[in-house]
Each structure stands twice: as structure tokens, then as C-alpha cells.
Amino acid sequence: AVVSTQSTGGQITDEAFTNLKYRGTFHTLCLVSSEEGIRSLFSGVRFAALRQATYGTLKFGIFFTMKSWWNKRGGSDQFLPVTVAIGMFSGALSSILTTPIDRMKVISQSKAQ
């Protein structure tokens, strides 16, 4: 699709964004609850809570397990590059493992409409 834009005094104005449906958080809450009901504001919250709980648990569990393994192998607790690498790995692996739950949340939210 071609989007028409024009420059006005150093700003680029996009015609697609001139008539936005939602104009802020409070406006969105009011509009969605009046159009779809208050219950629609909470669609997917069960899966969001489940995802956050499992993500946090996995992330910290993996991090401290790997950190303990590193220390047992003679590594220093103060060696920042290894701590950062372990943190990045545990965050990425936790995210990958909890993606199906996040997908269930998105499906639940889209079916609520």
C-alpha cells in the first residue's frame, strides 16, 4: 500500500495517522469497555500471568544453576563477562521456552473480539 506523506515545516505528516481511533490510555479504556465490554480489557490476562511466572522462574533458575556450575569449575563470581553471558543466555532460553504461552495469550486476546 502506498502511504501519502507531506513535509510541513520540518515535520512529516502521515495522513494515515491523522484520525487515530485511540487518543491515549484513558480514552482507550473508555472506548474499548463501551464497545466490547469491560471483560474484554482483561482477555488474555491468565496467559499473561502464566507466562510471566514461568519466564521469571525459568530465567532465575537457569541463571543461578549456570552460575553455580561456573563457580564449581573454578570460575570467579566477580568475572563480569561470564555473568553477563550467563544472564543473556538464561533470558534468551527462557523467552524461547515460554513463547508458546505468549502465543496462547495473543490467540486468547484476538478471539475476545
PDB file of N, CA and C in Angstrom:
ATOM      1  N   ALA A   1       0.843  -1.175   0.000  1.00  0.00           N
ATOM      2  CA  ALA A   1       0.000   0.000   0.000  1.00  0.00           C
ATOM      3  C   ALA A   1       0.888   1.237   0.000  1.00  0.00           C
ATOM      4  N   VAL A   2       0.466   2.229  -0.712  1.00  0.00           N
ATOM      5  CA  VAL A   2       1.188   3.487  -0.802  1.00  0.00           C
ATOM      6  C   VAL A   2       0.617   4.448   0.233  1.00  0.00           C
ATOM      7  N   VAL A   3       1.496   5.027   1.037  1.00  0.00           N
ATOM      8  CA  VAL A   3       1.079   5.965   2.062  1.00  0.00           C
ATOM      9  C   VAL A   3       1.543   7.347   1.652  1.00  0.00           C
ATOM     10  N   SER A   4       0.617   8.281   1.627  1.00  0.00           N
ATOM     11  CA  SER A   4       0.934   9.653   1.242  1.00  0.00           C
ATOM     12  C   SER A   4       1.460  10.419   2.454  1.00  0.00           C
ATOM     13  N   THR A   5       2.641  11.009   2.310  1.00  0.00           N
ATOM     14  CA  THR A   5       3.203  11.846   3.369  1.00  0.00           C
ATOM     15  C   THR A   5       3.603  13.175   2.770  1.00  0.00           C
ATOM     16  N   GLN A   6       3.556  14.202   3.595  1.00  0.00           N
ATOM     17  CA  GLN A   6       3.997  15.508   3.124  1.00  0.00           C
ATOM     18  C   GLN A   6       4.776  16.181   4.239  1.00  0.00           C
ATOM     19  N   SER A   7       5.739  16.999   3.863  1.00  0.00           N
ATOM     20  CA  SER A   7       6.557  17.693   4.839  1.00  0.00           C
ATOM     21  C   SER A   7       5.927  19.041   5.145  1.00  0.00           C
ATOM     22  N   THR A   8       5.776  19.322   6.454  1.00  0.00           N
ATOM     23  CA  THR A   8       5.217  20.614   6.855  1.00  0.00           C
ATOM     24  C   THR A   8       6.122  21.208   7.926  1.00  0.00           C
ATOM     25  N   GLY A   9       6.937  22.134   7.541  1.00  0.00           N
ATOM     26  CA  GLY A   9       7.806  22.836   8.477  1.00  0.00           C
ATOM     27  C   GLY A   9       8.761  21.925   9.234  1.00  0.00           C
ATOM     28  N   GLY A  10       9.358  20.986   8.574  1.00  0.00           N
ATOM     29  CA  GLY A  10      10.307  20.106   9.224  1.00  0.00           C
ATOM     30  C   GLY A  10       9.680  18.843   9.793  1.00  0.00           C
ATOM     31  N   GLN A  11       8.353  18.800   9.840  1.00  0.00           N
ATOM     32  CA  GLN A  11       7.667  17.601  10.324  1.00  0.00           C
ATOM     33  C   GLN A  11       7.084  16.853   9.147  1.00  0.00           C
ATOM     34  N   ILE A  12       7.055  15.553   9.251  1.00  0.00           N
ATOM     35  CA  ILE A  12       6.405  14.749   8.225  1.00  0.00           C
ATOM     36  C   ILE A  12       5.041  14.347   8.763  1.00  0.00           C
ATOM     37  N   THR A  13       4.012  14.683   8.025  1.00  0.00           N
ATOM     38  CA  THR A  13       2.658  14.359   8.430  1.00  0.00           C
ATOM     39  C   THR A  13       2.167  13.193   7.589  1.00  0.00           C
ATOM     40  N   ASP A  14       1.733  12.151   8.248  1.00  0.00           N
ATOM     41  CA  ASP A  14       1.227  10.966   7.572  1.00  0.00           C
ATOM     42  C   ASP A  14      -0.293  10.969   7.687  1.00  0.00           C
ATOM     43  N   GLU A  15      -0.966  10.961   6.563  1.00  0.00           N
ATOM     44  CA  GLU A  15      -2.423  11.020   6.561  1.00  0.00           C
ATOM     45  C   GLU A  15      -3.056   9.828   7.262  1.00  0.00           C
ATOM     46  N   ALA A  16      -2.378   8.699   7.309  1.00  0.00           N
ATOM     47  CA  ALA A  16      -2.921   7.514   7.964  1.00  0.00           C
ATOM     48  C   ALA A  16      -3.043   7.707   9.477  1.00  0.00           C
ATOM     49  N   PHE A  17      -2.283   8.644  10.047  1.00  0.00           N
ATOM     50  CA  PHE A  17      -2.295   8.841  11.492  1.00  0.00           C
ATOM     51  C   PHE A  17      -3.034  10.115  11.918  1.00  0.00           C
ATOM     52  N   THR A  18      -3.742  10.765  11.034  1.00  0.00           N
ATOM     53  CA  THR A  18      -4.440  11.978  11.418  1.00  0.00           C
ATOM     54  C   THR A  18      -5.733  11.686  12.159  1.00  0.00           C
ATOM     55  N   ASN A  19      -6.378  10.584  11.853  1.00  0.00           N
ATOM     56  CA  ASN A  19      -7.625  10.218  12.530  1.00  0.00           C
ATOM     57  C   ASN A  19      -7.420   8.917  13.306  1.00  0.00           C
ATOM     58  N   LEU A  20      -6.715   9.013  14.417  1.00  0.00           N
ATOM     59  CA  LEU A  20      -6.453   7.832  15.228  1.00  0.00           C
ATOM     60  C   LEU A  20      -7.697   7.457  16.021  1.00  0.00           C
ATOM     61  N   LYS A  21      -7.946   6.159  16.149  1.00  0.00           N
ATOM     62  CA  LYS A  21      -9.105   5.692  16.907  1.00  0.00           C
ATOM     63  C   LYS A  21      -8.892   5.896  18.400  1.00  0.00           C
ATOM     64  N   TYR A  22      -7.693   5.615  18.878  1.00  0.00           N
ATOM     65  CA  TYR A  22      -7.402   5.747  20.299  1.00  0.00           C
ATOM     66  C   TYR A  22      -6.474   6.929  20.526  1.00  0.00           C
ATOM     67  N   ARG A  23      -6.825   7.817  21.466  1.00  0.00           N
ATOM     68  CA  ARG A  23      -6.064   9.034  21.698  1.00  0.00           C
ATOM     69  C   ARG A  23      -5.384   9.060  23.067  1.00  0.00           C
ATOM     70  N   GLY A  24      -5.098   7.926  23.606  1.00  0.00           N
ATOM     71  CA  GLY A  24      -4.440   7.868  24.908  1.00  0.00           C
ATOM     72  C   GLY A  24      -4.981   6.703  25.724  1.00  0.00           C
ATOM     73  N   THR A  25      -4.365   6.491  26.872  1.00  0.00           N
ATOM     74  CA  THR A  25      -4.726   5.344  27.703  1.00  0.00           C
ATOM     75  C   THR A  25      -6.151   5.435  28.219  1.00  0.00           C
ATOM     76  N   PHE A  26      -6.504   6.563  28.811  1.00  0.00           N
ATOM     77  CA  PHE A  26      -7.850   6.709  29.388  1.00  0.00           C
ATOM     78  C   PHE A  26      -8.915   6.626  28.296  1.00  0.00           C
ATOM     79  N   HIS A  27      -8.675   7.277  27.176  1.00  0.00           N
ATOM     80  CA  HIS A  27      -9.619   7.230  26.055  1.00  0.00           C
ATOM     81  C   HIS A  27      -9.778   5.798  25.550  1.00  0.00           C
ATOM     82  N   THR A  28      -8.675   5.068  25.462  1.00  0.00           N
ATOM     83  CA  THR A  28      -8.715   3.679  25.014  1.00  0.00           C
ATOM     84  C   THR A  28      -9.521   2.820  25.977  1.00  0.00           C
ATOM     85  N   LEU A  29      -9.276   2.977  27.283  1.00  0.00           N
ATOM     86  CA  LEU A  29     -10.030   2.212  28.281  1.00  0.00           C
ATOM     87  C   LEU A  29     -11.531   2.470  28.171  1.00  0.00           C
ATOM     88  N   CYS A  30     -11.901   3.722  28.045  1.00  0.00           N
ATOM     89  CA  CYS A  30     -13.322   4.075  27.939  1.00  0.00           C
ATOM     90  C   CYS A  30     -13.932   3.525  26.654  1.00  0.00           C
ATOM     91  N   LEU A  31     -13.255   3.695  25.548  1.00  0.00           N
ATOM     92  CA  LEU A  31     -13.791   3.281  24.253  1.00  0.00           C
ATOM     93  C   LEU A  31     -13.910   1.762  24.146  1.00  0.00           C
ATOM     94  N   VAL A  32     -12.871   1.049  24.548  1.00  0.00           N
ATOM     95  CA  VAL A  32     -12.906  -0.413  24.457  1.00  0.00           C
ATOM     96  C   VAL A  32     -13.956  -0.987  25.396  1.00  0.00           C
ATOM     97  N   SER A  33     -14.048  -0.470  26.618  1.00  0.00           N
ATOM     98  CA  SER A  33     -15.038  -1.004  27.552  1.00  0.00           C
ATOM     99  C   SER A  33     -16.459  -0.684  27.106  1.00  0.00           C
ATOM    100  N   SER A  34     -16.666   0.429  26.452  1.00  0.00           N
ATOM    101  CA  SER A  34     -18.025   0.737  25.979  1.00  0.00           C
ATOM    102  C   SER A  34     -18.382  -0.047  24.715  1.00  0.00           C
ATOM    103  N   GLU A  35     -17.399  -0.292  23.843  1.00  0.00           N
ATOM    104  CA  GLU A  35     -17.675  -1.018  22.605  1.00  0.00           C
ATOM    105  C   GLU A  35     -17.696  -2.529  22.789  1.00  0.00           C
ATOM    106  N   GLU A  36     -16.765  -3.058  23.603  1.00  0.00           N
ATOM    107  CA  GLU A  36     -16.603  -4.506  23.711  1.00  0.00           C
ATOM    108  C   GLU A  36     -16.902  -5.052  25.097  1.00  0.00           C
ATOM    109  N   GLY A  37     -17.149  -4.171  26.067  1.00  0.00           N
ATOM    110  CA  GLY A  37     -17.406  -4.607  27.430  1.00  0.00           C
ATOM    111  C   GLY A  37     -16.142  -4.585  28.271  1.00  0.00           C
ATOM    112  N   ILE A  38     -16.336  -4.438  29.561  1.00  0.00           N
ATOM    113  CA  ILE A  38     -15.195  -4.354  30.477  1.00  0.00           C
ATOM    114  C   ILE A  38     -14.392  -5.653  30.478  1.00  0.00           C
ATOM    115  N   ARG A  39     -15.062  -6.778  30.290  1.00  0.00           N
ATOM    116  CA  ARG A  39     -14.373  -8.064  30.301  1.00  0.00           C
ATOM    117  C   ARG A  39     -13.291  -8.137  29.212  1.00  0.00           C
ATOM    118  N   SER A  40     -13.501  -7.465  28.100  1.00  0.00           N
ATOM    119  CA  SER A  40     -12.518  -7.527  27.011  1.00  0.00           C
ATOM    120  C   SER A  40     -11.187  -6.884  27.395  1.00  0.00           C
ATOM    121  N   LEU A  41     -11.209  -5.990  28.380  1.00  0.00           N
ATOM    122  CA  LEU A  41      -9.962  -5.382  28.834  1.00  0.00           C
ATOM    123  C   LEU A  41      -9.043  -6.401  29.500  1.00  0.00           C
ATOM    124  N   PHE A  42      -9.625  -7.487  29.985  1.00  0.00           N
ATOM    125  CA  PHE A  42      -8.848  -8.481  30.716  1.00  0.00           C
ATOM    126  C   PHE A  42      -8.683  -9.783  29.942  1.00  0.00           C
ATOM    127  N   SER A  43      -8.996  -9.788  28.667  1.00  0.00           N
ATOM    128  CA  SER A  43      -8.820 -11.009  27.884  1.00  0.00           C
ATOM    129  C   SER A  43      -7.340 -11.323  27.768  1.00  0.00           C
ATOM    130  N   GLY A  44      -7.000 -12.552  28.038  1.00  0.00           N
ATOM    131  CA  GLY A  44      -5.608 -12.970  27.957  1.00  0.00           C
ATOM    132  C   GLY A  44      -4.796 -12.750  29.202  1.00  0.00           C
ATOM    133  N   VAL A  45      -5.400 -12.215  30.257  1.00  0.00           N
ATOM    134  CA  VAL A  45      -4.625 -11.910  31.458  1.00  0.00           C
ATOM    135  C   VAL A  45      -4.156 -13.189  32.159  1.00  0.00           C
ATOM    136  N   ARG A  46      -4.929 -14.273  32.056  1.00  0.00           N
ATOM    137  CA  ARG A  46      -4.498 -15.542  32.665  1.00  0.00           C
ATOM    138  C   ARG A  46      -3.206 -16.027  32.022  1.00  0.00           C
ATOM    139  N   PHE A  47      -3.170 -15.982  30.685  1.00  0.00           N
ATOM    140  CA  PHE A  47      -1.976 -16.445  29.985  1.00  0.00           C
ATOM    141  C   PHE A  47      -0.802 -15.494  30.200  1.00  0.00           C
ATOM    142  N   ALA A  48      -1.076 -14.200  30.328  1.00  0.00           N
ATOM    143  CA  ALA A  48      -0.002 -13.237  30.590  1.00  0.00           C
ATOM    144  C   ALA A  48       0.629 -13.501  31.954  1.00  0.00           C
ATOM    145  N   ALA A  49      -0.202 -13.773  32.958  1.00  0.00           N
ATOM    146  CA  ALA A  49       0.320 -14.069  34.298  1.00  0.00           C
ATOM    147  C   ALA A  49       1.098 -15.381  34.295  1.00  0.00           C
ATOM    148  N   LEU A  50       0.567 -16.386  33.591  1.00  0.00           N
ATOM    149  CA  LEU A  50       1.255 -17.676  33.494  1.00  0.00           C
ATOM    150  C   LEU A  50       2.601 -17.519  32.799  1.00  0.00           C
ATOM    151  N   ARG A  51       2.641 -16.738  31.745  1.00  0.00           N
ATOM    152  CA  ARG A  51       3.882 -16.527  31.001  1.00  0.00           C
ATOM    153  C   ARG A  51       4.913 -15.807  31.867  1.00  0.00           C
ATOM    154  N   GLN A  52       4.474 -14.764  32.587  1.00  0.00           N
ATOM    155  CA  GLN A  52       5.404 -14.023  33.425  1.00  0.00           C
ATOM    156  C   GLN A  52       5.951 -14.897  34.549  1.00  0.00           C
ATOM    157  N   ALA A  53       5.085 -15.713  35.148  1.00  0.00           N
ATOM    158  CA  ALA A  53       5.526 -16.573  36.248  1.00  0.00           C
ATOM    159  C   ALA A  53       6.528 -17.624  35.753  1.00  0.00           C
ATOM    160  N   THR A  54       6.220 -18.257  34.636  1.00  0.00           N
ATOM    161  CA  THR A  54       7.133 -19.290  34.131  1.00  0.00           C
ATOM    162  C   THR A  54       8.416 -18.668  33.596  1.00  0.00           C
ATOM    163  N   TYR A  55       8.313 -17.529  32.943  1.00  0.00           N
ATOM    164  CA  TYR A  55       9.503 -16.864  32.407  1.00  0.00           C
ATOM    165  C   TYR A  55      10.458 -16.487  33.530  1.00  0.00           C
ATOM    166  N   GLY A  56       9.936 -15.843  34.562  1.00  0.00           N
ATOM    167  CA  GLY A  56      10.784 -15.430  35.678  1.00  0.00           C
ATOM    168  C   GLY A  56      11.412 -16.604  36.400  1.00  0.00           C
ATOM    169  N   THR A  57      10.611 -17.639  36.619  1.00  0.00           N
ATOM    170  CA  THR A  57      11.118 -18.825  37.302  1.00  0.00           C
ATOM    171  C   THR A  57      12.217 -19.497  36.490  1.00  0.00           C
ATOM    172  N   LEU A  58      11.976 -19.688  35.205  1.00  0.00           N
ATOM    173  CA  LEU A  58      12.984 -20.314  34.346  1.00  0.00           C
ATOM    174  C   LEU A  58      14.246 -19.463  34.260  1.00  0.00           C
ATOM    175  N   LYS A  59      14.066 -18.161  34.068  1.00  0.00           N
ATOM    176  CA  LYS A  59      15.221 -17.273  33.896  1.00  0.00           C
ATOM    177  C   LYS A  59      16.140 -17.322  35.114  1.00  0.00           C
ATOM    178  N   PHE A  60      15.569 -17.168  36.301  1.00  0.00           N
ATOM    179  CA  PHE A  60      16.403 -17.177  37.502  1.00  0.00           C
ATOM    180  C   PHE A  60      16.938 -18.567  37.801  1.00  0.00           C
ATOM    181  N   GLY A  61      16.132 -19.602  37.554  1.00  0.00           N
ATOM    182  CA  GLY A  61      16.594 -20.966  37.766  1.00  0.00           C
ATOM    183  C   GLY A  61      17.777 -21.318  36.879  1.00  0.00           C
ATOM    184  N   ILE A  62      17.670 -20.979  35.611  1.00  0.00           N
ATOM    185  CA  ILE A  62      18.766 -21.245  34.671  1.00  0.00           C
ATOM    186  C   ILE A  62      19.992 -20.417  35.037  1.00  0.00           C
ATOM    187  N   PHE A  63      19.777 -19.145  35.373  1.00  0.00           N
ATOM    188  CA  PHE A  63      20.892 -18.258  35.701  1.00  0.00           C
ATOM    189  C   PHE A  63      21.679 -18.779  36.899  1.00  0.00           C
ATOM    190  N   PHE A  64      20.983 -19.071  37.994  1.00  0.00           N
ATOM    191  CA  PHE A  64      21.695 -19.483  39.204  1.00  0.00           C
ATOM    192  C   PHE A  64      22.281 -20.887  39.079  1.00  0.00           C
ATOM    193  N   THR A  65      21.655 -21.755  38.292  1.00  0.00           N
ATOM    194  CA  THR A  65      22.224 -23.085  38.052  1.00  0.00           C
ATOM    195  C   THR A  65      23.528 -22.967  37.269  1.00  0.00           C
ATOM    196  N   MET A  66      23.513 -22.154  36.220  1.00  0.00           N
ATOM    197  CA  MET A  66      24.727 -21.973  35.420  1.00  0.00           C
ATOM    198  C   MET A  66      25.812 -21.244  36.213  1.00  0.00           C
ATOM    199  N   LYS A  67      25.405 -20.271  37.012  1.00  0.00           N
ATOM    200  CA  LYS A  67      26.366 -19.525  37.825  1.00  0.00           C
ATOM    201  C   LYS A  67      27.023 -20.453  38.844  1.00  0.00           C
ATOM    202  N   SER A  68      26.230 -21.356  39.452  1.00  0.00           N
ATOM    203  CA  SER A  68      26.763 -22.327  40.397  1.00  0.00           C
ATOM    204  C   SER A  68      27.728 -23.280  39.698  1.00  0.00           C
ATOM    205  N   TRP A  69      27.358 -23.712  38.508  1.00  0.00           N
ATOM    206  CA  TRP A  69      28.228 -24.592  37.730  1.00  0.00           C
ATOM    207  C   TRP A  69      29.556 -23.889  37.425  1.00  0.00           C
ATOM    208  N   TRP A  70      29.481 -22.607  37.046  1.00  0.00           N
ATOM    209  CA  TRP A  70      30.685 -21.835  36.739  1.00  0.00           C
ATOM    210  C   TRP A  70      31.590 -21.730  37.971  1.00  0.00           C
ATOM    211  N   ASN A  71      30.989 -21.483  39.128  1.00  0.00           N
ATOM    212  CA  ASN A  71      31.785 -21.350  40.350  1.00  0.00           C
ATOM    213  C   ASN A  71      32.419 -22.675  40.751  1.00  0.00           C
ATOM    214  N   LYS A  72      31.719 -23.781  40.568  1.00  0.00           N
ATOM    215  CA  LYS A  72      32.269 -25.100  40.908  1.00  0.00           C
ATOM    216  C   LYS A  72      33.440 -25.475  40.007  1.00  0.00           C
ATOM    217  N   ARG A  73      33.457 -24.946  38.807  1.00  0.00           N
ATOM    218  CA  ARG A  73      34.540 -25.247  37.864  1.00  0.00           C
ATOM    219  C   ARG A  73      35.735 -24.318  38.089  1.00  0.00           C
ATOM    220  N   GLY A  74      35.692 -23.495  39.116  1.00  0.00           N
ATOM    221  CA  GLY A  74      36.819 -22.636  39.454  1.00  0.00           C
ATOM    222  C   GLY A  74      36.683 -21.215  38.950  1.00  0.00           C
ATOM    223  N   GLY A  75      35.541 -20.876  38.384  1.00  0.00           N
ATOM    224  CA  GLY A  75      35.335 -19.523  37.888  1.00  0.00           C
ATOM    225  C   GLY A  75      35.060 -18.541  39.012  1.00  0.00           C
ATOM    226  N   SER A  76      35.380 -17.308  38.779  1.00  0.00           N
ATOM    227  CA  SER A  76      35.180 -16.263  39.772  1.00  0.00           C
ATOM    228  C   SER A  76      33.765 -15.696  39.687  1.00  0.00           C
ATOM    229  N   ASP A  77      33.201 -15.418  40.853  1.00  0.00           N
ATOM    230  CA  ASP A  77      31.872 -14.812  40.920  1.00  0.00           C
ATOM    231  C   ASP A  77      31.910 -13.354  40.448  1.00  0.00           C
ATOM    232  N   GLN A  78      33.090 -12.772  40.440  1.00  0.00           N
ATOM    233  CA  GLN A  78      33.248 -11.363  40.112  1.00  0.00           C
ATOM    234  C   GLN A  78      33.597 -11.114  38.647  1.00  0.00           C
ATOM    235  N   PHE A  79      33.673 -12.165  37.831  1.00  0.00           N
ATOM    236  CA  PHE A  79      34.060 -12.018  36.424  1.00  0.00           C
ATOM    237  C   PHE A  79      32.837 -11.590  35.611  1.00  0.00           C
ATOM    238  N   LEU A  80      32.741 -10.307  35.328  1.00  0.00           N
ATOM    239  CA  LEU A  80      31.556  -9.706  34.720  1.00  0.00           C
ATOM    240  C   LEU A  80      31.192 -10.277  33.346  1.00  0.00           C
ATOM    241  N   PRO A  81      32.128 -10.491  32.432  1.00  0.00           N
ATOM    242  CA  PRO A  81      31.738 -11.009  31.110  1.00  0.00           C
ATOM    243  C   PRO A  81      30.996 -12.348  31.171  1.00  0.00           C
ATOM    244  N   VAL A  82      31.413 -13.232  32.067  1.00  0.00           N
ATOM    245  CA  VAL A  82      30.732 -14.531  32.179  1.00  0.00           C
ATOM    246  C   VAL A  82      29.348 -14.329  32.793  1.00  0.00           C
ATOM    247  N   THR A  83      29.235 -13.484  33.792  1.00  0.00           N
ATOM    248  CA  THR A  83      27.936 -13.214  34.406  1.00  0.00           C
ATOM    249  C   THR A  83      26.970 -12.626  33.388  1.00  0.00           C
ATOM    250  N   VAL A  84      27.447 -11.709  32.568  1.00  0.00           N
ATOM    251  CA  VAL A  84      26.603 -11.115  31.526  1.00  0.00           C
ATOM    252  C   VAL A  84      26.200 -12.170  30.497  1.00  0.00           C
ATOM    253  N   ALA A  85      27.149 -13.002  30.097  1.00  0.00           N
ATOM    254  CA  ALA A  85      26.851 -14.050  29.112  1.00  0.00           C
ATOM    255  C   ALA A  85      25.833 -15.045  29.663  1.00  0.00           C
ATOM    256  N   ILE A  86      25.982 -15.429  30.925  1.00  0.00           N
ATOM    257  CA  ILE A  86      25.022 -16.343  31.552  1.00  0.00           C
ATOM    258  C   ILE A  86      23.653 -15.686  31.625  1.00  0.00           C
ATOM    259  N   GLY A  87      23.613 -14.417  31.965  1.00  0.00           N
ATOM    260  CA  GLY A  87      22.340 -13.688  32.026  1.00  0.00           C
ATOM    261  C   GLY A  87      21.666 -13.598  30.675  1.00  0.00           C
ATOM    262  N   MET A  88      22.444 -13.316  29.645  1.00  0.00           N
ATOM    263  CA  MET A  88      21.877 -13.234  28.291  1.00  0.00           C
ATOM    264  C   MET A  88      21.355 -14.590  27.835  1.00  0.00           C
ATOM    265  N   PHE A  89      22.127 -15.638  28.107  1.00  0.00           N
ATOM    266  CA  PHE A  89      21.714 -16.980  27.711  1.00  0.00           C
ATOM    267  C   PHE A  89      20.446 -17.406  28.448  1.00  0.00           C
ATOM    268  N   SER A  90      20.395 -17.166  29.756  1.00  0.00           N
ATOM    269  CA  SER A  90      19.222 -17.588  30.528  1.00  0.00           C
ATOM    270  C   SER A  90      17.982 -16.803  30.112  1.00  0.00           C
ATOM    271  N   GLY A  91      18.139 -15.526  29.819  1.00  0.00           N
ATOM    272  CA  GLY A  91      16.997 -14.729  29.348  1.00  0.00           C
ATOM    273  C   GLY A  91      16.494 -15.184  27.991  1.00  0.00           C
ATOM    274  N   ALA A  92      17.416 -15.459  27.083  1.00  0.00           N
ATOM    275  CA  ALA A  92      17.031 -15.904  25.738  1.00  0.00           C
ATOM    276  C   ALA A  92      16.371 -17.272  25.776  1.00  0.00           C
ATOM    277  N   LEU A  93      16.947 -18.200  26.534  1.00  0.00           N
ATOM    278  CA  LEU A  93      16.379 -19.545  26.613  1.00  0.00           C
ATOM    279  C   LEU A  93      15.003 -19.526  27.281  1.00  0.00           C
ATOM    280  N   SER A  94      14.855 -18.739  28.320  1.00  0.00           N
ATOM    281  CA  SER A  94      13.554 -18.617  28.987  1.00  0.00           C
ATOM    282  C   SER A  94      12.510 -18.039  28.044  1.00  0.00           C
ATOM    283  N   SER A  95      12.898 -17.059  27.274  1.00  0.00           N
ATOM    284  CA  SER A  95      11.985 -16.453  26.310  1.00  0.00           C
ATOM    285  C   SER A  95      11.549 -17.461  25.254  1.00  0.00           C
ATOM    286  N   ILE A  96      12.505 -18.237  24.768  1.00  0.00           N
ATOM    287  CA  ILE A  96      12.183 -19.263  23.762  1.00  0.00           C
ATOM    288  C   ILE A  96      11.228 -20.305  24.338  1.00  0.00           C
ATOM    289  N   LEU A  97      11.488 -20.735  25.562  1.00  0.00           N
ATOM    290  CA  LEU A  97      10.668 -21.777  26.176  1.00  0.00           C
ATOM    291  C   LEU A  97       9.251 -21.309  26.515  1.00  0.00           C
ATOM    292  N   THR A  98       9.072 -20.009  26.761  1.00  0.00           N
ATOM    293  CA  THR A  98       7.734 -19.508  27.127  1.00  0.00           C
ATOM    294  C   THR A  98       6.985 -18.886  25.951  1.00  0.00           C
ATOM    295  N   THR A  99       7.553 -18.942  24.766  1.00  0.00           N
ATOM    296  CA  THR A  99       6.871 -18.399  23.587  1.00  0.00           C
ATOM    297  C   THR A  99       5.515 -19.055  23.323  1.00  0.00           C
ATOM    298  N   PRO A 100       5.361 -20.376  23.475  1.00  0.00           N
ATOM    299  CA  PRO A 100       4.028 -20.953  23.258  1.00  0.00           C
ATOM    300  C   PRO A 100       2.943 -20.364  24.171  1.00  0.00           C
ATOM    301  N   ILE A 101       3.309 -20.051  25.414  1.00  0.00           N
ATOM    302  CA  ILE A 101       2.337 -19.446  26.326  1.00  0.00           C
ATOM    303  C   ILE A 101       1.984 -18.045  25.843  1.00  0.00           C
ATOM    304  N   ASP A 102       2.976 -17.306  25.366  1.00  0.00           N
ATOM    305  CA  ASP A 102       2.729 -15.970  24.833  1.00  0.00           C
ATOM    306  C   ASP A 102       1.816 -16.048  23.612  1.00  0.00           C
ATOM    307  N   ARG A 103       2.006 -17.053  22.802  1.00  0.00           N
ATOM    308  CA  ARG A 103       1.152 -17.264  21.621  1.00  0.00           C
ATOM    309  C   ARG A 103      -0.291 -17.541  22.037  1.00  0.00           C
ATOM    310  N   MET A 104      -0.469 -18.348  23.095  1.00  0.00           N
ATOM    311  CA  MET A 104      -1.820 -18.621  23.603  1.00  0.00           C
ATOM    312  C   MET A 104      -2.480 -17.332  24.083  1.00  0.00           C
ATOM    313  N   LYS A 105      -1.685 -16.439  24.685  1.00  0.00           N
ATOM    314  CA  LYS A 105      -2.217 -15.158  25.147  1.00  0.00           C
ATOM    315  C   LYS A 105      -2.722 -14.336  23.973  1.00  0.00           C
ATOM    316  N   VAL A 106      -1.930 -14.267  22.907  1.00  0.00           N
ATOM    317  CA  VAL A 106      -2.315 -13.486  21.725  1.00  0.00           C
ATOM    318  C   VAL A 106      -3.581 -14.052  21.089  1.00  0.00           C
ATOM    319  N   ILE A 107      -3.660 -15.381  21.002  1.00  0.00           N
ATOM    320  CA  ILE A 107      -4.861 -16.018  20.426  1.00  0.00           C
ATOM    321  C   ILE A 107      -6.075 -15.722  21.297  1.00  0.00           C
ATOM    322  N   SER A 108      -5.897 -15.811  22.609  1.00  0.00           N
ATOM    323  CA  SER A 108      -6.997 -15.531  23.535  1.00  0.00           C
ATOM    324  C   SER A 108      -7.483 -14.091  23.386  1.00  0.00           C
ATOM    325  N   GLN A 109      -6.569 -13.163  23.224  1.00  0.00           N
ATOM    326  CA  GLN A 109      -6.950 -11.756  23.091  1.00  0.00           C
ATOM    327  C   GLN A 109      -7.631 -11.488  21.760  1.00  0.00           C
ATOM    328  N   SER A 110      -7.207 -12.159  20.698  1.00  0.00           N
ATOM    329  CA  SER A 110      -7.814 -11.909  19.402  1.00  0.00           C
ATOM    330  C   SER A 110      -9.206 -12.549  19.298  1.00  0.00           C
ATOM    331  N   LYS A 111      -9.434 -13.640  20.016  1.00  0.00           N
ATOM    332  CA  LYS A 111     -10.745 -14.283  19.999  1.00  0.00           C
ATOM    333  C   LYS A 111     -11.746 -13.557  20.886  1.00  0.00           C
ATOM    334  N   ALA A 112     -11.279 -12.708  21.774  1.00  0.00           N
ATOM    335  CA  ALA A 112     -12.178 -11.983  22.674  1.00  0.00           C
ATOM    336  C   ALA A 112     -13.045 -10.983  21.923  1.00  0.00           C
ATOM    337  N   GLN A 113     -12.591 -10.564  20.771  1.00  0.00           N
ATOM    338  CA  GLN A 113     -13.349  -9.582  19.996  1.00  0.00           C
ATOM    339  C   GLN A 113     -14.488 -10.271  19.353  1.00  0.00           C
TER     340      GLN A 113
END
